[in-house]
């Protein structure tokens, strides 16, 4: 049996209590205390929520993303001569998410989890016609706030004594948030208010490997998000007052996620972690085929986190993530306060 001491245990807690990459961590909190003996370690139920314990985890996440695009409406006479309208746009997207997560240990190996998010979104769009009659930009702001997509999950720890430790998970995401196909749109097909959900249910199986290497703990994780296709009604602006409605079968692109990182315990109360995460979002299908504008998305992020144990029941976790690719969010900051009830 592989043994590890106090610092490895605290580092393990850091991994399971820090936000990693552009998504919020949903692993459990342990009571932070100093382990005295190897026997004490073995008597601990594992890395998930102990049997009969309940963890209430409140979180606030700030996400910022910006993009600059240049679109051309016209045609090319020569490689260097364009006839038509050249439009430059600058979009700043801000999202605030307040989450309330509950975790309960059914057994020492099995825990259940439910998460309820409330989402506020704000998009500021500035557009300017470069070769138009006026160079002054036009700016509009679109907002949206509502309940997000509620999630439920199960986690199971396969082995308890021998390292590395393997944990399997199964997550289900609902469609309680407002769908992009339900919110009102204007005559230019732009949102009048922003959606707070994806509009599609999804199932996400995943696996995590944890290897204690005193005084650090290494972790690897992989998951696959399967978005369930559905029929949606899309309003198409028409010349008359009543817009036409078209029903399409949309299969949102699935997501392959891979992550790795390390947690390190500075002392029994404070620890930090660093991680890398990669996501590949596959092309979406409409009515069984790929639309012309469908593309494969690659999202890479690097994350840093810190965990401070206030007492045995409460910890404060702060995590920051930065995007490394054009499709990833520019910056994300998360503050979490898990509280353990026994």
Protein backbone atom coordinates (compact mmCIF):
# COMPACT_ATOMS: atom_id res chain seq x y z
CA UNK A 1 0.00 0.00 0.00
CA UNK A 2 1.27 3.45 -0.90
CA UNK A 3 1.56 5.89 2.03
CA UNK A 4 1.40 9.67 1.91
CA UNK A 5 1.65 12.25 4.66
CA UNK A 6 -0.08 15.46 5.68
CA UNK A 7 1.15 17.60 2.79
CA UNK A 8 -0.07 15.10 0.20
CA UNK A 9 -3.50 15.01 1.84
CA UNK A 10 -3.78 18.80 1.91
CA UNK A 11 -2.67 18.99 -1.71
CA UNK A 12 -5.33 16.42 -2.56
CA UNK A 13 -7.94 18.62 -0.91
CA UNK A 14 -6.65 21.57 -2.93
CA UNK A 15 -7.25 19.75 -6.20
CA UNK A 16 -10.82 18.93 -5.23
CA UNK A 17 -11.59 22.47 -4.09
CA UNK A 18 -10.15 24.69 -6.84
CA UNK A 19 -11.74 25.83 -10.08
CA UNK A 20 -9.85 24.29 -13.02
CA UNK A 21 -9.84 25.80 -16.52
CA UNK A 22 -12.88 27.52 -18.03
CA UNK A 23 -15.32 25.50 -16.04
CA UNK A 24 -16.27 25.44 -12.41
CA UNK A 25 -14.93 22.55 -10.29
CA UNK A 26 -17.62 20.29 -8.90
CA UNK A 27 -15.54 17.96 -6.74
CA UNK A 28 -16.00 17.74 -2.98
CA UNK A 29 -14.54 19.37 0.09
CA UNK A 30 -12.92 17.48 2.95
CA UNK A 31 -12.58 18.76 6.49
CA UNK A 32 -9.19 20.44 6.74
CA UNK A 33 -7.18 19.05 9.62
CA UNK A 34 -3.68 17.73 10.24
CA UNK A 35 -3.31 13.96 9.93
CA UNK A 36 -1.22 12.47 12.71
CA UNK A 37 -0.67 8.83 11.72
CA UNK A 38 -0.96 6.50 8.77
CA UNK A 39 -3.86 4.79 10.54
CA UNK A 40 -5.66 8.13 10.61
CA UNK A 41 -5.24 8.40 6.85
CA UNK A 42 -6.65 4.93 6.27
CA UNK A 43 -9.68 5.66 8.43
CA UNK A 44 -10.56 8.62 6.27
CA UNK A 45 -13.34 7.64 3.85
CA UNK A 46 -11.53 8.78 0.68
CA UNK A 47 -11.47 11.86 -1.51
CA UNK A 48 -15.26 12.16 -1.98
CA UNK A 49 -17.82 13.41 0.52
CA UNK A 50 -17.83 11.08 3.56
CA UNK A 51 -20.89 8.96 4.22
CA UNK A 52 -23.66 10.98 5.84
CA UNK A 53 -21.96 14.36 5.27
CA UNK A 54 -23.49 17.21 3.29
CA UNK A 55 -21.50 20.01 1.62
CA UNK A 56 -23.18 23.30 0.64
CA UNK A 57 -21.01 25.08 -1.90
CA UNK A 58 -21.78 28.67 -2.97
CA UNK A 59 -19.81 30.18 -5.84
CA UNK A 60 -19.57 33.34 -7.93
CA UNK A 61 -17.90 33.24 -11.35
CA UNK A 62 -16.93 36.21 -13.52
CA UNK A 63 -16.10 35.50 -17.18
CA UNK A 64 -14.83 38.04 -19.70
CA UNK A 65 -14.44 37.45 -23.42
CA UNK A 66 -13.83 39.84 -26.30
CA UNK A 67 -13.53 39.48 -30.06
CA UNK A 68 -12.70 41.73 -32.99
CA UNK A 69 -13.97 40.83 -36.45
CA UNK A 70 -13.97 42.38 -39.91
CA UNK A 71 -16.73 41.33 -42.32
CA UNK A 72 -17.02 42.13 -45.99
CA UNK A 73 -20.34 42.43 -47.83
CA UNK A 74 -19.36 42.74 -51.49
CA UNK A 75 -17.05 41.15 -54.04
CA UNK A 76 -13.38 41.18 -54.98
CA UNK A 77 -12.29 42.72 -58.28
CA UNK A 78 -8.57 42.21 -57.69
CA UNK A 79 -6.77 40.53 -54.76
CA UNK A 80 -6.21 44.00 -53.28
CA UNK A 81 -9.44 45.70 -54.41
CA UNK A 82 -12.76 45.02 -52.69
CA UNK A 83 -16.02 46.55 -53.85
CA UNK A 84 -18.70 46.62 -51.18
CA UNK A 85 -19.15 47.31 -47.48
CA UNK A 86 -16.37 46.61 -44.98
CA UNK A 87 -17.63 46.38 -41.40
CA UNK A 88 -15.51 46.11 -38.24
CA UNK A 89 -17.06 44.97 -34.98
CA UNK A 90 -15.80 44.81 -31.41
CA UNK A 91 -17.74 42.57 -29.01
CA UNK A 92 -17.20 42.43 -25.23
CA UNK A 93 -19.03 39.62 -23.44
CA UNK A 94 -19.39 39.55 -19.65
CA UNK A 95 -21.01 36.73 -17.69
CA UNK A 96 -21.70 36.51 -13.96
CA UNK A 97 -22.83 33.15 -12.58
CA UNK A 98 -23.97 32.54 -9.02
CA UNK A 99 -24.06 28.83 -8.26
CA UNK A 100 -25.44 26.87 -5.33
CA UNK A 101 -24.20 23.28 -5.18
CA UNK A 102 -25.13 20.54 -2.73
CA UNK A 103 -23.19 17.29 -2.32
CA UNK A 104 -24.11 14.33 -0.13
CA UNK A 105 -22.11 11.20 0.65
CA UNK A 106 -24.33 8.16 0.24
CA UNK A 107 -21.44 5.84 1.05
CA UNK A 108 -17.72 6.42 1.48
CA UNK A 109 -17.33 5.64 -2.22
CA UNK A 110 -20.45 7.23 -3.71
CA UNK A 111 -21.72 10.80 -3.63
CA UNK A 112 -24.55 12.67 -5.35
CA UNK A 113 -24.51 16.31 -6.40
CA UNK A 114 -26.95 18.94 -7.63
CA UNK A 115 -26.15 22.45 -8.87
CA UNK A 116 -28.48 25.41 -9.43
CA UNK A 117 -26.96 28.38 -11.32
CA UNK A 118 -28.29 31.90 -11.82
CA UNK A 119 -26.77 33.59 -14.87
CA UNK A 120 -26.40 37.25 -15.84
CA UNK A 121 -25.02 38.10 -19.29
CA UNK A 122 -24.06 41.42 -20.86
CA UNK A 123 -22.84 41.87 -24.44
CA UNK A 124 -21.55 45.23 -25.67
CA UNK A 125 -21.34 45.35 -29.48
CA UNK A 126 -19.61 48.21 -31.30
CA UNK A 127 -19.77 48.28 -35.11
CA UNK A 128 -18.25 50.65 -37.64
CA UNK A 129 -18.48 50.80 -41.43
CA UNK A 130 -14.90 51.43 -42.53
CA UNK A 131 -15.73 52.63 -46.04
CA UNK A 132 -19.20 53.95 -45.25
CA UNK A 133 -20.38 57.56 -45.15
CA UNK A 134 -19.69 57.78 -41.41
CA UNK A 135 -16.73 56.40 -39.44
CA UNK A 136 -18.43 56.87 -36.08
CA UNK A 137 -19.18 53.50 -34.42
CA UNK A 138 -22.64 52.41 -33.32
CA UNK A 139 -22.85 50.65 -29.96
CA UNK A 140 -25.63 48.52 -28.55
CA UNK A 141 -25.92 46.56 -25.34
CA UNK A 142 -27.81 43.30 -24.91
CA UNK A 143 -28.51 41.77 -21.50
CA UNK A 144 -30.10 38.66 -20.09
CA UNK A 145 -30.51 37.18 -16.62
CA UNK A 146 -32.38 34.10 -15.56
CA UNK A 147 -32.05 30.64 -14.10
CA UNK A 148 -29.33 28.60 -15.80
CA UNK A 149 -29.26 24.92 -16.66
CA UNK A 150 -29.63 22.83 -13.49
CA UNK A 151 -27.20 19.90 -13.22
CA UNK A 152 -27.12 16.61 -11.31
CA UNK A 153 -24.19 14.21 -10.95
CA UNK A 154 -22.99 10.98 -9.40
CA UNK A 155 -19.35 10.28 -8.46
CA UNK A 156 -17.86 6.93 -7.48
CA UNK A 157 -14.38 6.19 -6.12
CA UNK A 158 -13.23 2.83 -7.48
CA UNK A 159 -10.28 2.16 -5.14
CA UNK A 160 -9.64 3.34 -1.59
CA UNK A 161 -6.21 2.08 -0.50
CA UNK A 162 -3.89 1.81 -3.49
CA UNK A 163 -2.64 4.84 -5.42
CA UNK A 164 -3.36 6.10 -7.99
CA UNK A 165 -6.99 6.73 -7.04
CA UNK A 166 -9.64 6.49 -9.77
CA UNK A 167 -12.95 8.33 -9.66
CA UNK A 168 -15.75 7.96 -12.18
CA UNK A 169 -18.53 10.50 -12.69
CA UNK A 170 -21.78 10.85 -14.61
CA UNK A 171 -23.34 14.29 -15.02
CA UNK A 172 -26.69 15.30 -16.49
CA UNK A 173 -27.49 18.86 -17.57
CA UNK A 174 -31.09 19.98 -17.97
CA UNK A 175 -32.63 22.74 -20.08
CA UNK A 176 -34.02 24.97 -17.33
CA UNK A 177 -32.11 27.98 -18.66
CA UNK A 178 -33.59 30.12 -21.43
CA UNK A 179 -32.76 28.60 -24.82
CA UNK A 180 -31.14 30.56 -27.70
CA UNK A 181 -34.12 29.45 -29.77
CA UNK A 182 -36.71 30.77 -27.31
CA UNK A 183 -35.51 34.31 -26.65
CA UNK A 184 -36.87 37.06 -28.94
CA UNK A 185 -34.84 38.28 -31.94
CA UNK A 186 -34.98 41.46 -34.02
CA UNK A 187 -35.25 41.94 -37.77
CA UNK A 188 -31.49 41.43 -38.22
CA UNK A 189 -31.56 38.05 -36.42
CA UNK A 190 -29.80 39.49 -33.34
CA UNK A 191 -30.93 38.64 -29.82
CA UNK A 192 -33.15 41.16 -28.05
CA UNK A 193 -32.15 39.48 -24.79
CA UNK A 194 -29.40 36.93 -24.14
CA UNK A 195 -30.10 33.28 -23.34
CA UNK A 196 -28.87 31.72 -20.09
CA UNK A 197 -28.86 28.08 -21.20
CA UNK A 198 -27.71 25.93 -24.10
CA UNK A 199 -31.20 24.77 -25.06
CA UNK A 200 -30.17 21.10 -25.20
CA UNK A 201 -29.86 18.42 -22.49
CA UNK A 202 -26.52 16.68 -22.18
CA UNK A 203 -24.93 13.66 -20.52
CA UNK A 204 -21.28 13.77 -19.46
CA UNK A 205 -19.37 10.65 -18.34
CA UNK A 206 -15.90 11.29 -16.98
CA UNK A 207 -12.96 9.77 -15.14
CA UNK A 208 -10.31 11.31 -12.84
CA UNK A 209 -6.97 9.88 -11.75
CA UNK A 210 -5.21 11.17 -8.62
CA UNK A 211 -1.61 10.30 -7.75
CA UNK A 212 -0.12 11.51 -4.41
CA UNK A 213 3.57 12.41 -4.77
CA UNK A 214 4.54 14.01 -1.46
CA UNK A 215 4.25 16.94 -1.00
CA UNK A 216 2.29 17.34 -4.24
CA UNK A 217 -0.62 15.54 -5.85
CA UNK A 218 -0.92 15.06 -9.61
CA UNK A 219 -4.26 14.63 -11.35
CA UNK A 220 -5.56 13.77 -14.82
CA UNK A 221 -9.14 13.92 -16.01
CA UNK A 222 -11.08 13.19 -19.17
CA UNK A 223 -14.75 13.55 -20.06
CA UNK A 224 -17.10 13.50 -23.02
CA UNK A 225 -20.20 15.73 -23.25
CA UNK A 226 -22.93 14.20 -25.38
CA UNK A 227 -25.51 16.81 -26.39
CA UNK A 228 -28.88 15.24 -27.17
CA UNK A 229 -30.29 16.48 -30.47
CA UNK A 230 -33.73 18.04 -30.54
CA UNK A 231 -36.22 19.73 -32.85
CA UNK A 232 -36.32 23.51 -32.46
CA UNK A 233 -38.54 26.20 -33.96
CA UNK A 234 -36.63 29.07 -35.56
CA UNK A 235 -38.29 32.36 -36.45
CA UNK A 236 -37.29 33.69 -39.87
CA UNK A 237 -37.88 37.44 -40.40
CA UNK A 238 -40.28 38.09 -43.25
CA UNK A 239 -41.33 41.15 -45.21
CA UNK A 240 -44.79 41.18 -43.66
CA UNK A 241 -45.62 41.65 -40.00
CA UNK A 242 -45.81 37.95 -39.16
CA UNK A 243 -42.43 36.18 -39.36
CA UNK A 244 -42.36 32.61 -40.64
CA UNK A 245 -41.39 29.67 -38.44
CA UNK A 246 -39.10 26.84 -39.49
CA UNK A 247 -38.56 23.60 -37.56
CA UNK A 248 -35.04 22.17 -37.71
CA UNK A 249 -33.41 19.16 -36.07
CA UNK A 250 -30.23 20.46 -34.42
CA UNK A 251 -27.49 18.21 -33.10
CA UNK A 252 -25.21 20.45 -31.05
CA UNK A 253 -21.55 19.48 -31.31
CA UNK A 254 -20.27 17.17 -28.58
CA UNK A 255 -17.27 18.14 -26.44
CA UNK A 256 -14.11 16.16 -25.66
CA UNK A 257 -12.33 17.45 -22.55
CA UNK A 258 -8.86 16.60 -21.23
CA UNK A 259 -7.14 18.12 -18.20
CA UNK A 260 -4.04 17.74 -16.05
CA UNK A 261 -2.53 19.57 -13.12
CA UNK A 262 -0.87 19.57 -9.74
CA UNK A 263 -1.87 20.53 -6.21
CA UNK A 264 0.69 21.55 -3.59
CA UNK A 265 0.18 21.99 0.15
CA UNK A 266 2.15 24.85 1.71
CA UNK A 267 0.87 24.06 5.21
CA UNK A 268 -2.17 22.33 6.78
CA UNK A 269 -4.36 25.39 6.04
CA UNK A 270 -3.14 26.75 2.71
CA UNK A 271 -2.61 25.05 -0.64
CA UNK A 272 -2.51 26.02 -4.30
CA UNK A 273 -2.91 24.31 -7.66
CA UNK A 274 -2.10 24.81 -11.33
CA UNK A 275 -3.74 23.09 -14.27
CA UNK A 276 -4.14 22.89 -18.03
CA UNK A 277 -7.36 22.05 -19.81
CA UNK A 278 -8.16 21.31 -23.43
CA UNK A 279 -11.60 21.07 -25.02
CA UNK A 280 -12.48 20.11 -28.56
CA UNK A 281 -16.03 21.06 -29.58
CA UNK A 282 -17.15 19.08 -32.60
CA UNK A 283 -19.14 20.53 -35.47
CA UNK A 284 -22.88 20.95 -35.02
CA UNK A 285 -25.36 19.41 -37.44
CA UNK A 286 -28.61 20.85 -38.78
CA UNK A 287 -31.12 18.37 -40.25
CA UNK A 288 -28.42 15.70 -40.41
CA UNK A 289 -25.83 17.77 -42.28
CA UNK A 290 -23.11 20.28 -41.50
CA UNK A 291 -24.00 23.92 -42.31
CA UNK A 292 -21.51 26.02 -44.27
CA UNK A 293 -20.44 28.00 -41.20
CA UNK A 294 -19.91 24.94 -38.95
CA UNK A 295 -16.40 24.62 -37.58
CA UNK A 296 -14.35 22.69 -35.08
CA UNK A 297 -13.52 24.68 -31.94
CA UNK A 298 -10.35 24.26 -29.88
CA UNK A 299 -10.34 25.71 -26.35
CA UNK A 300 -7.18 25.66 -24.25
CA UNK A 301 -6.90 27.30 -20.82
CA UNK A 302 -4.40 27.53 -17.98
CA UNK A 303 -5.69 27.86 -14.43
CA UNK A 304 -4.35 28.80 -11.01
CA UNK A 305 -6.10 28.26 -7.69
CA UNK A 306 -5.63 28.81 -3.97
CA UNK A 307 -7.43 27.17 -1.07
CA UNK A 308 -7.54 28.39 2.54
CA UNK A 309 -9.15 26.37 5.33
CA UNK A 310 -10.89 28.78 7.72
CA UNK A 311 -11.83 25.91 10.04
CA UNK A 312 -12.85 22.28 9.80
CA UNK A 313 -16.18 23.14 8.18
CA UNK A 314 -15.40 26.13 5.93
CA UNK A 315 -12.86 26.81 3.21
CA UNK A 316 -12.35 29.70 0.79
CA UNK A 317 -11.29 28.89 -2.76
CA UNK A 318 -10.18 31.39 -5.38
CA UNK A 319 -9.43 30.28 -8.93
CA UNK A 320 -8.41 32.15 -12.06
CA UNK A 321 -8.20 30.87 -15.64
CA UNK A 322 -6.83 32.45 -18.82
CA UNK A 323 -7.56 31.42 -22.38
CA UNK A 324 -4.70 30.26 -24.59
CA UNK A 325 -6.61 29.98 -27.87
CA UNK A 326 -8.89 32.35 -29.77
CA UNK A 327 -12.04 30.36 -28.99
CA UNK A 328 -11.43 30.14 -25.23
CA UNK A 329 -12.69 32.81 -22.78
CA UNK A 330 -10.11 35.54 -22.15
CA UNK A 331 -10.37 35.46 -18.36
CA UNK A 332 -12.37 33.73 -15.65
CA UNK A 333 -12.37 34.33 -11.90
CA UNK A 334 -14.23 32.13 -9.43
CA UNK A 335 -14.70 32.46 -5.67
CA UNK A 336 -16.16 29.47 -3.82
CA UNK A 337 -17.07 28.95 -0.18
CA UNK A 338 -17.88 25.31 0.63
CA UNK A 339 -19.41 24.60 4.03
CA UNK A 340 -19.53 21.05 5.41
CA UNK A 341 -22.45 19.81 7.50
CA UNK A 342 -22.11 16.53 9.33
